[in-house]
Protein backbone atom coordinates (compact mmCIF):
# COMPACT_ATOMS: atom_id res chain seq x y z
CA MET A 1 5.63 99.12 169.00
CA THR A 2 5.88 96.85 172.06
CA ALA A 3 3.64 97.90 174.94
CA VAL A 4 4.85 97.95 178.54
CA LEU A 5 1.30 98.27 179.87
CA GLN A 6 -2.04 97.44 178.30
CA ALA A 7 -5.44 97.58 179.98
CA GLN A 8 -8.87 96.80 178.55
CA ASP A 9 -12.05 97.88 180.38
CA LEU A 10 -10.02 97.76 183.61
CA GLY A 11 -11.82 98.47 186.86
CA LYS A 12 -11.17 98.41 190.61
CA LYS A 13 -13.96 98.70 193.16
CA TYR A 14 -13.71 99.36 196.92
CA GLY A 15 -17.03 98.37 198.45
CA ARG A 16 -19.62 100.27 196.44
CA ARG A 17 -17.21 102.84 195.07
CA TRP A 18 -15.33 102.47 191.80
CA ALA A 19 -11.81 103.93 192.07
CA LEU A 20 -11.13 102.98 188.45
CA ARG A 21 -13.65 101.89 185.84
CA ASP A 22 -13.72 101.11 182.12
CA CYS A 23 -10.07 102.13 181.72
CA THR A 24 -8.52 101.22 178.37
CA ILE A 25 -4.91 102.22 177.91
CA ASP A 26 -1.88 101.24 175.81
CA ILE A 27 1.53 102.49 176.95
CA PRO A 28 4.44 101.96 174.55
CA ALA A 29 7.92 100.84 175.53
CA GLY A 30 11.00 103.00 175.32
CA HIS A 31 9.50 106.22 176.65
CA VAL A 32 9.36 108.31 179.78
CA VAL A 33 5.59 108.50 180.05
CA GLY A 34 3.86 111.23 182.01
CA LEU A 35 0.50 110.22 183.50
CA VAL A 36 -1.55 113.20 184.60
CA GLY A 37 -5.14 113.86 185.61
CA PRO A 38 -7.31 115.39 188.32
CA ASN A 39 -7.72 113.99 191.81
CA GLY A 40 -9.85 110.87 191.67
CA ALA A 41 -9.05 110.08 188.05
CA GLY A 42 -7.71 106.65 189.04
CA LYS A 43 -3.98 107.23 188.50
CA THR A 44 -2.70 105.68 191.74
CA THR A 45 -5.11 102.76 191.48
CA LEU A 46 -3.93 102.09 187.92
CA LEU A 47 -0.28 102.11 189.01
CA LYS A 48 -0.94 99.77 191.93
CA LEU A 49 -2.76 97.38 189.61
CA ALA A 50 0.23 97.53 187.26
CA CYS A 51 2.61 96.64 190.10
CA GLY A 52 0.54 93.72 191.38
CA GLN A 53 -0.40 95.45 194.62
CA LEU A 54 -4.10 95.26 193.73
CA ALA A 55 -6.21 92.76 191.83
CA PRO A 56 -8.70 94.11 189.28
CA THR A 57 -12.44 93.90 189.89
CA SER A 58 -13.16 93.87 186.17
CA GLY A 59 -11.35 93.93 182.86
CA ARG A 60 -7.76 92.90 182.28
CA ILE A 61 -4.27 94.33 182.54
CA SER A 62 -0.98 93.20 181.00
CA VAL A 63 2.46 94.48 182.00
CA LEU A 64 5.53 93.67 179.90
CA GLY A 65 3.51 91.11 177.99
CA GLY A 66 1.99 89.24 180.93
CA PRO A 67 -0.23 89.58 184.00
CA PRO A 68 1.36 91.59 186.85
CA THR A 69 1.47 88.60 189.17
CA GLY A 70 4.13 86.10 190.16
CA GLN A 71 7.64 86.74 191.44
CA ALA A 72 9.34 86.52 188.04
CA GLN A 73 7.02 89.10 186.48
CA LEU A 74 7.09 91.48 189.43
CA ALA A 75 10.90 91.37 189.45
CA ARG A 76 10.80 93.15 186.08
CA VAL A 77 8.94 96.16 187.52
CA GLY A 78 10.32 98.77 189.91
CA PHE A 79 7.93 100.91 191.94
CA VAL A 80 8.47 104.13 193.88
CA ALA A 81 5.25 104.96 195.71
CA GLN A 82 3.73 108.35 196.42
CA ASP A 83 5.32 108.77 199.85
CA THR A 84 8.74 107.42 198.68
CA PRO A 85 8.54 104.69 201.35
CA THR A 86 11.54 103.83 203.48
CA TYR A 87 11.83 102.24 206.90
CA THR A 88 12.63 104.98 209.41
CA GLY A 89 14.46 102.64 211.80
CA LEU A 90 16.73 101.09 209.15
CA THR A 91 20.01 102.60 208.01
CA VAL A 92 20.81 103.29 204.37
CA ASP A 93 23.07 100.24 204.34
CA GLU A 94 20.35 98.05 205.85
CA HIS A 95 17.97 99.18 203.11
CA LEU A 96 20.47 98.01 200.50
CA ARG A 97 20.92 94.64 202.20
CA LEU A 98 17.16 94.21 202.41
CA GLY A 99 16.86 95.06 198.72
CA ALA A 100 19.45 92.42 197.88
CA ARG A 101 17.53 89.77 199.84
CA LEU A 102 14.17 90.58 198.23
CA ASN A 103 15.25 91.02 194.60
CA PRO A 104 16.97 88.20 192.66
CA GLY A 105 18.31 90.60 190.03
CA TRP A 106 19.73 93.06 192.57
CA ASP A 107 22.67 95.13 191.30
CA ALA A 108 24.74 95.79 194.43
CA ALA A 109 27.40 97.72 192.51
CA LEU A 110 24.83 100.10 191.05
CA ALA A 111 23.27 100.69 194.47
CA ARG A 112 26.63 101.34 196.19
CA GLU A 113 27.87 103.61 193.43
CA ARG A 114 24.70 105.68 193.51
CA ILE A 115 24.69 106.00 197.31
CA ASP A 116 28.34 107.12 197.23
CA ARG A 117 27.67 109.61 194.45
CA LEU A 118 24.72 111.07 196.36
CA GLY A 119 26.85 111.40 199.49
CA LEU A 120 24.43 109.45 201.68
CA ASP A 121 25.93 108.11 204.91
CA PRO A 122 25.41 104.29 204.83
CA GLY A 123 25.09 104.22 208.62
CA ARG A 124 22.44 106.94 208.85
CA ARG A 125 18.88 105.87 209.64
CA ALA A 126 16.27 106.75 207.04
CA GLY A 127 14.21 108.58 209.66
CA ARG A 128 17.03 111.11 210.00
CA LEU A 129 17.37 111.77 206.27
CA SER A 130 15.83 114.80 204.58
CA GLY A 131 12.81 114.34 202.31
CA GLY A 132 15.01 114.66 199.25
CA GLU A 133 17.49 112.10 200.59
CA ARG A 134 14.72 109.61 201.37
CA ALA A 135 13.36 110.07 197.84
CA GLN A 136 16.83 109.41 196.40
CA LEU A 137 17.17 106.30 198.56
CA ALA A 138 13.78 105.02 197.34
CA LEU A 139 14.81 105.69 193.74
CA THR A 140 18.09 103.84 194.31
CA LEU A 141 16.17 100.80 195.60
CA GLY A 142 13.94 100.89 192.54
CA LEU A 143 16.84 101.21 190.11
CA ALA A 144 19.07 98.56 191.73
CA LYS A 145 16.29 96.05 191.17
CA ARG A 146 17.26 96.47 187.49
CA PRO A 147 13.67 96.66 186.24
CA GLU A 148 12.53 96.89 182.64
CA LEU A 149 9.73 99.25 183.71
CA LEU A 150 10.08 101.82 186.50
CA VAL A 151 6.78 103.14 187.90
CA LEU A 152 6.76 106.30 190.01
CA ASP A 153 3.61 107.63 191.69
CA GLU A 154 4.07 111.36 192.37
CA PRO A 155 7.52 110.75 193.89
CA VAL A 156 8.46 114.43 194.28
CA ALA A 157 5.15 116.03 195.25
CA ALA A 158 6.31 116.77 198.82
CA LEU A 159 9.85 117.89 197.96
CA ASP A 160 11.20 121.42 197.73
CA PRO A 161 12.20 122.72 194.26
CA LEU A 162 15.92 121.92 194.67
CA ALA A 163 15.26 118.37 195.88
CA ARG A 164 12.76 117.85 193.03
CA ARG A 165 15.31 119.01 190.48
CA GLU A 166 18.00 116.69 191.84
CA PHE A 167 15.63 113.73 191.97
CA LEU A 168 14.46 114.24 188.38
CA ARG A 169 18.02 114.76 187.17
CA GLY A 170 19.01 111.43 188.71
CA LEU A 171 15.98 109.77 187.18
CA MET A 172 16.79 111.02 183.69
CA GLU A 173 20.45 109.99 183.98
CA ALA A 174 19.45 106.50 185.08
CA THR A 175 16.84 106.21 182.34
CA ALA A 176 19.39 107.03 179.66
CA GLU A 177 22.08 104.79 181.15
CA HIS A 178 19.93 101.71 181.71
CA GLU A 179 17.44 102.16 178.83
CA LEU A 180 14.40 101.95 181.09
CA SER A 181 10.79 102.49 180.26
CA VAL A 182 9.36 104.88 182.85
CA LEU A 183 5.78 105.63 183.89
CA LEU A 184 5.66 108.80 186.00
CA SER A 185 2.48 110.09 187.62
CA SER A 186 2.58 113.72 188.69
CA HIS A 187 0.42 116.75 189.41
CA LEU A 188 3.36 119.03 188.62
CA VAL A 189 3.18 119.87 184.93
CA SER A 190 6.61 121.49 184.98
CA ASP A 191 8.15 118.17 186.06
CA LEU A 192 6.47 116.40 183.16
CA GLU A 193 7.75 119.06 180.77
CA ARG A 194 11.31 118.45 181.98
CA THR A 195 11.26 114.67 181.87
CA CYS A 196 8.56 113.12 179.68
CA ASP A 197 8.50 112.46 175.95
CA TYR A 198 5.10 110.74 176.00
CA LEU A 199 1.93 112.08 177.64
CA ILE A 200 -1.30 110.47 178.86
CA VAL A 201 -4.16 112.52 180.28
CA LEU A 202 -6.52 110.38 182.38
CA VAL A 203 -9.89 111.80 183.44
CA ASP A 204 -12.68 109.76 185.04
CA SER A 205 -10.71 106.55 184.30
CA ARG A 206 -10.65 107.32 180.57
CA VAL A 207 -7.75 108.32 178.37
CA ARG A 208 -8.53 111.75 176.95
CA LEU A 209 -5.16 112.29 175.27
CA ALA A 210 -2.16 110.08 174.55
CA GLY A 211 0.87 110.39 172.32
CA GLU A 212 4.44 111.55 171.91
CA VAL A 213 4.80 115.05 173.28
CA ASP A 214 6.46 116.51 170.18
CA GLU A 215 3.68 115.18 167.96
CA LEU A 216 0.93 116.41 170.27
CA LEU A 217 2.41 119.90 170.40
CA ALA A 218 2.85 119.95 166.61
CA THR A 219 -0.76 118.99 165.90
CA HIS A 220 -2.51 121.20 168.46
CA HIS A 221 -2.94 124.94 167.87
CA ARG A 222 -4.59 127.96 169.42
CA LEU A 223 -6.68 129.85 166.85
CA THR A 224 -7.72 133.44 167.53
CA GLY A 225 -9.86 135.48 165.17
CA PRO A 226 -13.33 136.92 164.44
CA ARG A 227 -16.17 135.26 166.30
CA ARG A 228 -17.13 132.03 164.57
CA ASP A 229 -19.30 129.02 165.28
CA PRO A 230 -17.19 125.86 165.86
CA GLY A 231 -19.33 124.02 163.30
CA ARG A 232 -17.88 126.22 160.55
CA LEU A 233 -14.34 124.96 161.09
CA PRO A 234 -12.91 122.41 158.62
CA ALA A 235 -13.66 118.76 159.37
CA ASP A 236 -10.00 117.99 160.14
CA GLN A 237 -9.91 120.57 162.95
CA HIS A 238 -11.23 118.93 166.12
CA VAL A 239 -12.21 121.56 168.70
CA VAL A 240 -10.85 120.73 172.15
CA SER A 241 -11.91 123.98 173.82
CA ALA A 242 -13.56 127.25 172.81
CA ARG A 243 -13.74 130.76 174.25
CA HIS A 244 -15.88 133.56 172.84
CA THR A 245 -16.34 137.28 173.35
CA ASP A 246 -18.79 139.45 171.45
CA ARG A 247 -16.36 139.82 168.54
CA GLN A 248 -13.65 137.21 168.96
CA SER A 249 -13.32 133.43 169.17
CA THR A 250 -10.38 131.47 170.54
CA PHE A 251 -10.22 127.76 169.83
CA LEU A 252 -7.78 125.09 170.86
CA VAL A 253 -7.89 122.56 168.03
CA ARG A 254 -6.23 119.32 167.06
CA ALA A 255 -5.59 119.66 163.35
CA GLY A 256 -4.92 117.02 160.73
CA GLY A 257 -3.05 119.47 158.53
CA PRO A 258 -1.82 123.07 158.24
CA ILE A 259 -4.09 125.98 159.21
CA LEU A 260 -4.65 127.85 155.95
CA ASP A 261 -7.43 130.29 156.88
CA PRO A 262 -5.82 133.80 156.94
CA ALA A 263 -8.48 135.03 159.36
CA TRP A 264 -6.86 133.08 162.17
CA THR A 265 -3.87 134.02 164.26
CA VAL A 266 -2.22 130.68 165.04
CA GLY A 267 -0.46 130.29 168.39
CA ARG A 268 1.80 127.57 169.79
CA LEU A 269 0.83 125.58 172.88
CA THR A 270 2.68 124.30 175.92
CA MET A 271 2.17 120.96 177.63
CA GLU A 272 0.34 122.84 180.37
CA ASP A 273 -2.11 124.22 177.79
CA LEU A 274 -2.80 120.72 176.48
CA VAL A 275 -3.26 119.12 179.88
CA LEU A 276 -5.62 121.79 181.19
CA ALA A 277 -7.68 121.91 177.98
CA TYR A 278 -8.34 118.17 177.95
CA MET A 279 -9.07 118.08 181.67
CA GLU A 280 -11.53 120.96 181.38
CA GLN A 281 -13.19 119.33 178.40
CA ALA A 282 -14.13 116.25 180.38
CA ALA A 283 -14.46 117.59 183.90
CA PRO A 284 -18.01 117.94 185.32
CA ALA A 285 -19.12 121.25 186.73
CA VAL A 286 -18.21 121.71 190.39
CA PRO A 287 -19.67 124.42 192.65
CA ALA A 288 -17.13 127.15 193.34
CA ALA A 289 -17.14 126.46 197.08
CA ARG A 290 -16.03 122.86 196.51
CA ARG A 291 -13.31 123.47 193.93
CA ARG A 292 -9.71 122.61 194.63
CA PRO A 293 -6.64 122.66 192.38
CA ALA A 294 -6.35 119.56 190.23
CA LEU A 295 -2.81 120.39 189.14
CA ALA A 296 0.07 122.43 190.41
CA VAL A 297 2.11 124.30 187.86
CA VAL A 298 5.37 124.95 189.67
CA ARG A 299 8.44 126.50 188.08
């Protein structure tokens, strides 16, 4: 399958601090890919490297078959940053005219149709729009560029639930209509569940889990039964996490085949279960006083 993004031993250093290091990743085309991980995992740095906003310190990165540099290559990638950037002093219409000047493949008809459908006043300044409206304007600018890959870095993190739902609905409609590949970074697992068919869990710059969501959910299971040492499980059952009481064991396993042991009660998993299990597996111990949520699970 063609890859939209490939990185090998990719790293980015700011002074003495590595924001991303030894990152190897392969993202296939034709998917809405959810990129998730704890704070400091390197997600935003990876996305900025993919969009040509940063140059790598080490390793290599390829986007749509080539380096993410040069006007022709960057024209193939749309980017909506974390704060859904717009210019507060410019009107909606002025944003569209600016987009047309900066992007050779600009689709003015798509931009106008979307602004009309959203009910945005072309003469209204972006600084007077709501957070949801600014996010929709930023998405419109990204889509009207007519990219092959659309990259979104936590675009709805600051929006209320209704605005998030409307933004994601518009994203999914546009993805289906224009056959885009999408890379979406988010801390909100529920948003990934609604939109993504491919999942990547990034922890400490390393890919801990990657694959099509349906396949990942079909091959991971929660096993509950009498207390048992993990070493006694069959070789094709990789233990991701384990919990024990005096009499009972609960394992989350990735299995290469059906679970045939009648001693186990086999339970289905959600995407949230998968994400948290792989993050906990790799995360270093942190004193309780310094802990902060790595994800938000919002319904």
